[in-house]
Structures are given as structure tokens and as C-alpha cells.
Amino acid sequence: MPGTFVGWVTYLSRRLGTVPPLPAPVQIEWIEDKGTLIVMCPERFTVSNPEHIALAEQVQDQLNRAGLLKPIQPQG
């Protein structure tokens, strides 16, 4: 089963848990009582930029350790 991965912009439902503090330049925006929007960086995120990849790996690791990136489960 595939895991869940972060991208340039990632939304996590509030029911998954609390998003931990993340490194700059990551922006965390709370969407009312629904969840959290994580914006990796203000400029366009590209896989050809090693800084972007390193940041994404760091954020992914932190969110995994917080138990927020669980594999997608089929409905039904």
C-alpha cells in the first residue's frame, strides 16, 4: 500500500493530530477547525533543487514521527 507524501502544498485533516513545528521556510496555516495547510516554500517547489528535496525529506520525517502520514486506506 502506498504511503502519504508531502508536496509543495500539503493538507492534513485535524483528525490526524497536531502538526509539530516545522523548519523555515515552511509555512503552517490552520484552516478553521478542519485541518492544517503546509506550504513547503514560497517559491515554486522543484525536484531539481536539492534544497527543496532536503527540506521535503526533513518535513516528511517530522510528520512521520508525529504519526501524521499514515498509508492511505481504501474505503469500504
PDB file of N, CA and C in Angstrom:
ATOM      1  N   MET A   1       0.838  -1.177   0.000  1.00  0.00           N
ATOM      2  CA  MET A   1       0.000   0.000   0.000  1.00  0.00           C
ATOM      3  C   MET A   1       0.888   1.247   0.000  1.00  0.00           C
ATOM      4  N   PRO A   2       0.586   2.236  -0.824  1.00  0.00           N
ATOM      5  CA  PRO A   2       1.426   3.426  -0.872  1.00  0.00           C
ATOM      6  C   PRO A   2       1.308   4.251   0.405  1.00  0.00           C
ATOM      7  N   GLY A   3       2.361   4.975   0.700  1.00  0.00           N
ATOM      8  CA  GLY A   3       2.342   5.867   1.850  1.00  0.00           C
ATOM      9  C   GLY A   3       1.770   7.212   1.466  1.00  0.00           C
ATOM     10  N   THR A   4       1.872   8.135   2.368  1.00  0.00           N
ATOM     11  CA  THR A   4       1.428   9.503   2.126  1.00  0.00           C
ATOM     12  C   THR A   4       2.666  10.374   2.100  1.00  0.00           C
ATOM     13  N   PHE A   5       2.769  11.258   1.126  1.00  0.00           N
ATOM     14  CA  PHE A   5       3.968  12.056   0.939  1.00  0.00           C
ATOM     15  C   PHE A   5       3.633  13.537   0.938  1.00  0.00           C
ATOM     16  N   VAL A   6       4.597  14.338   1.353  1.00  0.00           N
ATOM     17  CA  VAL A   6       4.408  15.783   1.317  1.00  0.00           C
ATOM     18  C   VAL A   6       4.781  16.315  -0.054  1.00  0.00           C
ATOM     19  N   GLY A   7       4.181  17.443  -0.406  1.00  0.00           N
ATOM     20  CA  GLY A   7       4.488  18.118  -1.654  1.00  0.00           C
ATOM     21  C   GLY A   7       4.669  19.597  -1.375  1.00  0.00           C
ATOM     22  N   TRP A   8       4.622  20.387  -2.430  1.00  0.00           N
ATOM     23  CA  TRP A   8       4.769  21.834  -2.274  1.00  0.00           C
ATOM     24  C   TRP A   8       3.719  22.343  -1.291  1.00  0.00           C
ATOM     25  N   VAL A   9       2.487  21.861  -1.457  1.00  0.00           N
ATOM     26  CA  VAL A   9       1.395  22.192  -0.548  1.00  0.00           C
ATOM     27  C   VAL A   9       0.777  20.876  -0.087  1.00  0.00           C
ATOM     28  N   THR A  10       0.611  20.722   1.220  1.00  0.00           N
ATOM     29  CA  THR A  10       0.054  19.504   1.788  1.00  0.00           C
ATOM     30  C   THR A  10      -1.041  19.883   2.777  1.00  0.00           C
ATOM     31  N   TYR A  11      -2.180  19.195   2.704  1.00  0.00           N
ATOM     32  CA  TYR A  11      -3.260  19.407   3.663  1.00  0.00           C
ATOM     33  C   TYR A  11      -3.354  18.177   4.551  1.00  0.00           C
ATOM     34  N   LEU A  12      -3.453  18.408   5.863  1.00  0.00           N
ATOM     35  CA  LEU A  12      -3.660  17.324   6.811  1.00  0.00           C
ATOM     36  C   LEU A  12      -4.909  17.614   7.627  1.00  0.00           C
ATOM     37  N   SER A  13      -5.817  16.667   7.665  1.00  0.00           N
ATOM     38  CA  SER A  13      -7.040  16.811   8.447  1.00  0.00           C
ATOM     39  C   SER A  13      -6.711  16.915   9.930  1.00  0.00           C
ATOM     40  N   ARG A  14      -7.473  17.688  10.644  1.00  0.00           N
ATOM     41  CA  ARG A  14      -7.288  17.861  12.085  1.00  0.00           C
ATOM     42  C   ARG A  14      -7.428  16.540  12.830  1.00  0.00           C
ATOM     43  N   ARG A  15      -8.248  15.643  12.304  1.00  0.00           N
ATOM     44  CA  ARG A  15      -8.480  14.363  12.979  1.00  0.00           C
ATOM     45  C   ARG A  15      -7.227  13.493  13.027  1.00  0.00           C
ATOM     46  N   LEU A  16      -6.214  13.804  12.197  1.00  0.00           N
ATOM     47  CA  LEU A  16      -4.975  13.035  12.199  1.00  0.00           C
ATOM     48  C   LEU A  16      -4.083  13.385  13.385  1.00  0.00           C
ATOM     49  N   GLY A  17      -4.238  14.602  13.911  1.00  0.00           N
ATOM     50  CA  GLY A  17      -3.410  15.038  15.030  1.00  0.00           C
ATOM     51  C   GLY A  17      -2.870  16.428  14.809  1.00  0.00           C
ATOM     52  N   THR A  18      -1.992  16.842  15.705  1.00  0.00           N
ATOM     53  CA  THR A  18      -1.420  18.188  15.670  1.00  0.00           C
ATOM     54  C   THR A  18      -0.111  18.199  14.886  1.00  0.00           C
ATOM     55  N   VAL A  19       0.015  19.159  13.990  1.00  0.00           N
ATOM     56  CA  VAL A  19       1.241  19.321  13.213  1.00  0.00           C
ATOM     57  C   VAL A  19       2.307  19.943  14.117  1.00  0.00           C
ATOM     58  N   PRO A  20       3.490  19.308  14.183  1.00  0.00           N
ATOM     59  CA  PRO A  20       4.554  19.858  15.014  1.00  0.00           C
ATOM     60  C   PRO A  20       5.175  21.097  14.355  1.00  0.00           C
ATOM     61  N   PRO A  21       5.952  21.868  15.112  1.00  0.00           N
ATOM     62  CA  PRO A  21       6.679  22.981  14.485  1.00  0.00           C
ATOM     63  C   PRO A  21       7.585  22.428  13.381  1.00  0.00           C
ATOM     64  N   LEU A  22       7.625  23.123  12.260  1.00  0.00           N
ATOM     65  CA  LEU A  22       8.422  22.687  11.116  1.00  0.00           C
ATOM     66  C   LEU A  22       9.476  23.744  10.787  1.00  0.00           C
ATOM     67  N   PRO A  23      10.562  23.357  10.123  1.00  0.00           N
ATOM     68  CA  PRO A  23      11.661  24.293   9.858  1.00  0.00           C
ATOM     69  C   PRO A  23      11.279  25.375   8.848  1.00  0.00           C
ATOM     70  N   ALA A  24      11.934  26.527   8.973  1.00  0.00           N
ATOM     71  CA  ALA A  24      11.765  27.605   7.989  1.00  0.00           C
ATOM     72  C   ALA A  24      12.341  27.106   6.667  1.00  0.00           C
ATOM     73  N   PRO A  25      11.753  27.479   5.569  1.00  0.00           N
ATOM     74  CA  PRO A  25      10.727  28.482   5.338  1.00  0.00           C
ATOM     75  C   PRO A  25       9.311  27.912   5.304  1.00  0.00           C
ATOM     76  N   VAL A  26       9.104  26.717   5.852  1.00  0.00           N
ATOM     77  CA  VAL A  26       7.780  26.076   5.817  1.00  0.00           C
ATOM     78  C   VAL A  26       6.759  26.953   6.541  1.00  0.00           C
ATOM     79  N   GLN A  27       5.613  27.133   5.909  1.00  0.00           N
ATOM     80  CA  GLN A  27       4.516  27.910   6.491  1.00  0.00           C
ATOM     81  C   GLN A  27       3.410  26.938   6.881  1.00  0.00           C
ATOM     82  N   ILE A  28       2.872  27.126   8.080  1.00  0.00           N
ATOM     83  CA  ILE A  28       1.769  26.303   8.560  1.00  0.00           C
ATOM     84  C   ILE A  28       0.557  27.217   8.720  1.00  0.00           C
ATOM     85  N   GLU A  29      -0.545  26.859   8.060  1.00  0.00           N
ATOM     86  CA  GLU A  29      -1.767  27.654   8.153  1.00  0.00           C
ATOM     87  C   GLU A  29      -2.903  26.762   8.625  1.00  0.00           C
ATOM     88  N   TRP A  30      -3.551  27.167   9.708  1.00  0.00           N
ATOM     89  CA  TRP A  30      -4.674  26.411  10.234  1.00  0.00           C
ATOM     90  C   TRP A  30      -5.926  26.820   9.493  1.00  0.00           C
ATOM     91  N   ILE A  31      -6.690  25.847   9.054  1.00  0.00           N
ATOM     92  CA  ILE A  31      -7.930  26.072   8.313  1.00  0.00           C
ATOM     93  C   ILE A  31      -9.088  25.836   9.283  1.00  0.00           C
ATOM     94  N   GLU A  32      -9.512  26.921   9.940  1.00  0.00           N
ATOM     95  CA  GLU A  32     -10.586  26.877  10.940  1.00  0.00           C
ATOM     96  C   GLU A  32     -10.387  25.671  11.852  1.00  0.00           C
ATOM     97  N   ASP A  33     -11.411  24.856  12.028  1.00  0.00           N
ATOM     98  CA  ASP A  33     -11.282  23.654  12.855  1.00  0.00           C
ATOM     99  C   ASP A  33     -11.178  22.403  11.978  1.00  0.00           C
ATOM    100  N   LYS A  34     -10.830  22.591  10.709  1.00  0.00           N
ATOM    101  CA  LYS A  34     -10.812  21.486   9.745  1.00  0.00           C
ATOM    102  C   LYS A  34      -9.469  20.776   9.663  1.00  0.00           C
ATOM    103  N   GLY A  35      -8.377  21.530   9.615  1.00  0.00           N
ATOM    104  CA  GLY A  35      -7.074  20.913   9.432  1.00  0.00           C
ATOM    105  C   GLY A  35      -5.981  21.936   9.254  1.00  0.00           C
ATOM    106  N   THR A  36      -4.886  21.484   8.677  1.00  0.00           N
ATOM    107  CA  THR A  36      -3.697  22.304   8.520  1.00  0.00           C
ATOM    108  C   THR A  36      -3.208  22.254   7.087  1.00  0.00           C
ATOM    109  N   LEU A  37      -2.855  23.416   6.564  1.00  0.00           N
ATOM    110  CA  LEU A  37      -2.254  23.528   5.247  1.00  0.00           C
ATOM    111  C   LEU A  37      -0.773  23.809   5.458  1.00  0.00           C
ATOM    112  N   ILE A  38       0.073  22.979   4.857  1.00  0.00           N
ATOM    113  CA  ILE A  38       1.520  23.140   4.970  1.00  0.00           C
ATOM    114  C   ILE A  38       2.042  23.558   3.608  1.00  0.00           C
ATOM    115  N   VAL A  39       2.711  24.714   3.563  1.00  0.00           N
ATOM    116  CA  VAL A  39       3.305  25.212   2.318  1.00  0.00           C
ATOM    117  C   VAL A  39       4.815  25.103   2.490  1.00  0.00           C
ATOM    118  N   MET A  40       5.437  24.259   1.663  1.00  0.00           N
ATOM    119  CA  MET A  40       6.842  23.928   1.818  1.00  0.00           C
ATOM    120  C   MET A  40       7.766  25.132   1.678  1.00  0.00           C
ATOM    121  N   CYS A  41       7.529  25.966   0.675  1.00  0.00           N
ATOM    122  CA  CYS A  41       8.371  27.140   0.458  1.00  0.00           C
ATOM    123  C   CYS A  41       7.590  28.144  -0.392  1.00  0.00           C
ATOM    124  N   PRO A  42       7.939  29.428  -0.286  1.00  0.00           N
ATOM    125  CA  PRO A  42       7.166  30.435  -1.014  1.00  0.00           C
ATOM    126  C   PRO A  42       7.372  30.393  -2.526  1.00  0.00           C
ATOM    127  N   GLU A  43       8.562  29.979  -2.969  1.00  0.00           N
ATOM    128  CA  GLU A  43       8.799  29.903  -4.408  1.00  0.00           C
ATOM    129  C   GLU A  43       8.335  28.550  -4.941  1.00  0.00           C
ATOM    130  N   ARG A  44       8.295  28.421  -6.243  1.00  0.00           N
ATOM    131  CA  ARG A  44       7.862  27.169  -6.866  1.00  0.00           C
ATOM    132  C   ARG A  44       8.786  26.036  -6.438  1.00  0.00           C
ATOM    133  N   PHE A  45       8.195  24.967  -5.923  1.00  0.00           N
ATOM    134  CA  PHE A  45       8.939  23.795  -5.473  1.00  0.00           C
ATOM    135  C   PHE A  45       9.318  22.964  -6.688  1.00  0.00           C
ATOM    136  N   THR A  46      10.606  22.616  -6.794  1.00  0.00           N
ATOM    137  CA  THR A  46      11.049  21.788  -7.918  1.00  0.00           C
ATOM    138  C   THR A  46      11.928  20.650  -7.422  1.00  0.00           C
ATOM    139  N   VAL A  47      11.817  19.494  -8.060  1.00  0.00           N
ATOM    140  CA  VAL A  47      12.635  18.351  -7.694  1.00  0.00           C
ATOM    141  C   VAL A  47      14.085  18.518  -8.153  1.00  0.00           C
ATOM    142  N   SER A  48      14.339  19.470  -9.028  1.00  0.00           N
ATOM    143  CA  SER A  48      15.714  19.703  -9.483  1.00  0.00           C
ATOM    144  C   SER A  48      16.504  20.580  -8.504  1.00  0.00           C
ATOM    145  N   ASN A  49      15.832  21.109  -7.479  1.00  0.00           N
ATOM    146  CA  ASN A  49      16.501  21.939  -6.471  1.00  0.00           C
ATOM    147  C   ASN A  49      16.816  21.059  -5.254  1.00  0.00           C
ATOM    148  N   PRO A  50      18.102  20.771  -5.000  1.00  0.00           N
ATOM    149  CA  PRO A  50      18.446  19.895  -3.881  1.00  0.00           C
ATOM    150  C   PRO A  50      18.007  20.440  -2.519  1.00  0.00           C
ATOM    151  N   GLU A  51      17.924  21.757  -2.375  1.00  0.00           N
ATOM    152  CA  GLU A  51      17.447  22.338  -1.112  1.00  0.00           C
ATOM    153  C   GLU A  51      15.967  22.010  -0.888  1.00  0.00           C
ATOM    154  N   HIS A  52      15.192  22.028  -1.959  1.00  0.00           N
ATOM    155  CA  HIS A  52      13.772  21.681  -1.854  1.00  0.00           C
ATOM    156  C   HIS A  52      13.614  20.215  -1.449  1.00  0.00           C
ATOM    157  N   ILE A  53      14.386  19.348  -2.058  1.00  0.00           N
ATOM    158  CA  ILE A  53      14.294  17.921  -1.755  1.00  0.00           C
ATOM    159  C   ILE A  53      14.703  17.663  -0.305  1.00  0.00           C
ATOM    160  N   ALA A  54      15.775  18.281   0.145  1.00  0.00           N
ATOM    161  CA  ALA A  54      16.233  18.099   1.529  1.00  0.00           C
ATOM    162  C   ALA A  54      15.169  18.590   2.512  1.00  0.00           C
ATOM    163  N   LEU A  55      14.554  19.730   2.221  1.00  0.00           N
ATOM    164  CA  LEU A  55      13.511  20.269   3.086  1.00  0.00           C
ATOM    165  C   LEU A  55      12.306  19.323   3.119  1.00  0.00           C
ATOM    166  N   ALA A  56      11.897  18.830   1.969  1.00  0.00           N
ATOM    167  CA  ALA A  56      10.755  17.909   1.902  1.00  0.00           C
ATOM    168  C   ALA A  56      11.045  16.636   2.694  1.00  0.00           C
ATOM    169  N   GLU A  57      12.261  16.112   2.599  1.00  0.00           N
ATOM    170  CA  GLU A  57      12.621  14.908   3.343  1.00  0.00           C
ATOM    171  C   GLU A  57      12.579  15.175   4.849  1.00  0.00           C
ATOM    172  N   GLN A  58      13.068  16.339   5.260  1.00  0.00           N
ATOM    173  CA  GLN A  58      13.061  16.698   6.680  1.00  0.00           C
ATOM    174  C   GLN A  58      11.629  16.826   7.203  1.00  0.00           C
ATOM    175  N   VAL A  59      10.773  17.510   6.447  1.00  0.00           N
ATOM    176  CA  VAL A  59       9.377  17.693   6.850  1.00  0.00           C
ATOM    177  C   VAL A  59       8.662  16.343   6.864  1.00  0.00           C
ATOM    178  N   GLN A  60       8.884  15.532   5.843  1.00  0.00           N
ATOM    179  CA  GLN A  60       8.273  14.208   5.776  1.00  0.00           C
ATOM    180  C   GLN A  60       8.658  13.397   7.011  1.00  0.00           C
ATOM    181  N   ASP A  61       9.933  13.436   7.383  1.00  0.00           N
ATOM    182  CA  ASP A  61      10.402  12.688   8.546  1.00  0.00           C
ATOM    183  C   ASP A  61       9.720  13.180   9.825  1.00  0.00           C
ATOM    184  N   GLN A  62       9.622  14.487   9.992  1.00  0.00           N
ATOM    185  CA  GLN A  62       8.989  15.041  11.190  1.00  0.00           C
ATOM    186  C   GLN A  62       7.508  14.658  11.263  1.00  0.00           C
ATOM    187  N   LEU A  63       6.821  14.718  10.137  1.00  0.00           N
ATOM    188  CA  LEU A  63       5.400  14.375  10.118  1.00  0.00           C
ATOM    189  C   LEU A  63       5.197  12.873  10.342  1.00  0.00           C
ATOM    190  N   ASN A  64       6.103  12.055   9.817  1.00  0.00           N
ATOM    191  CA  ASN A  64       6.035  10.610  10.062  1.00  0.00           C
ATOM    192  C   ASN A  64       6.227  10.314  11.543  1.00  0.00           C
ATOM    193  N   ARG A  65       7.230  10.947  12.173  1.00  0.00           N
ATOM    194  CA  ARG A  65       7.491  10.725  13.592  1.00  0.00           C
ATOM    195  C   ARG A  65       6.319  11.173  14.451  1.00  0.00           C
ATOM    196  N   ALA A  66       5.574  12.174  13.970  1.00  0.00           N
ATOM    197  CA  ALA A  66       4.397  12.651  14.696  1.00  0.00           C
ATOM    198  C   ALA A  66       3.172  11.767  14.427  1.00  0.00           C
ATOM    199  N   GLY A  67       3.322  10.766  13.539  1.00  0.00           N
ATOM    200  CA  GLY A  67       2.226   9.851  13.240  1.00  0.00           C
ATOM    201  C   GLY A  67       1.166  10.428  12.323  1.00  0.00           C
ATOM    202  N   LEU A  68       1.525  11.451  11.551  1.00  0.00           N
ATOM    203  CA  LEU A  68       0.543  12.144  10.709  1.00  0.00           C
ATOM    204  C   LEU A  68       0.471  11.643   9.270  1.00  0.00           C
ATOM    205  N   LEU A  69       1.452  10.863   8.839  1.00  0.00           N
ATOM    206  CA  LEU A  69       1.470  10.392   7.449  1.00  0.00           C
ATOM    207  C   LEU A  69       1.284   8.884   7.411  1.00  0.00           C
ATOM    208  N   LYS A  70       0.059   8.467   7.575  1.00  0.00           N
ATOM    209  CA  LYS A  70      -0.266   7.045   7.553  1.00  0.00           C
ATOM    210  C   LYS A  70      -0.616   6.633   6.123  1.00  0.00           C
ATOM    211  N   PRO A  71      -0.384   5.350   5.788  1.00  0.00           N
ATOM    212  CA  PRO A  71      -0.764   4.894   4.445  1.00  0.00           C
ATOM    213  C   PRO A  71      -2.251   5.128   4.175  1.00  0.00           C
ATOM    214  N   ILE A  72      -2.554   5.407   2.935  1.00  0.00           N
ATOM    215  CA  ILE A  72      -3.933   5.629   2.510  1.00  0.00           C
ATOM    216  C   ILE A  72      -4.677   4.310   2.595  1.00  0.00           C
ATOM    217  N   GLN A  73      -5.821   4.311   3.253  1.00  0.00           N
ATOM    218  CA  GLN A  73      -6.646   3.119   3.414  1.00  0.00           C
ATOM    219  C   GLN A  73      -7.856   3.205   2.485  1.00  0.00           C
ATOM    220  N   PRO A  74      -8.112   2.152   1.706  1.00  0.00           N
ATOM    221  CA  PRO A  74      -9.302   2.179   0.858  1.00  0.00           C
ATOM    222  C   PRO A  74     -10.573   2.226   1.695  1.00  0.00           C
ATOM    223  N   GLN A  75     -11.567   2.907   1.184  1.00  0.00           N
ATOM    224  CA  GLN A  75     -12.868   2.993   1.853  1.00  0.00           C
ATOM    225  C   GLN A  75     -13.685   1.741   1.547  1.00  0.00           C
ATOM    226  N   GLY A  76     -14.454   1.294   2.545  1.00  0.00           N
ATOM    227  CA  GLY A  76     -15.399   0.224   2.302  1.00  0.00           C
ATOM    228  C   GLY A  76     -14.882  -1.065   2.682  1.00  0.00           C
TER     229      GLY A  76
END
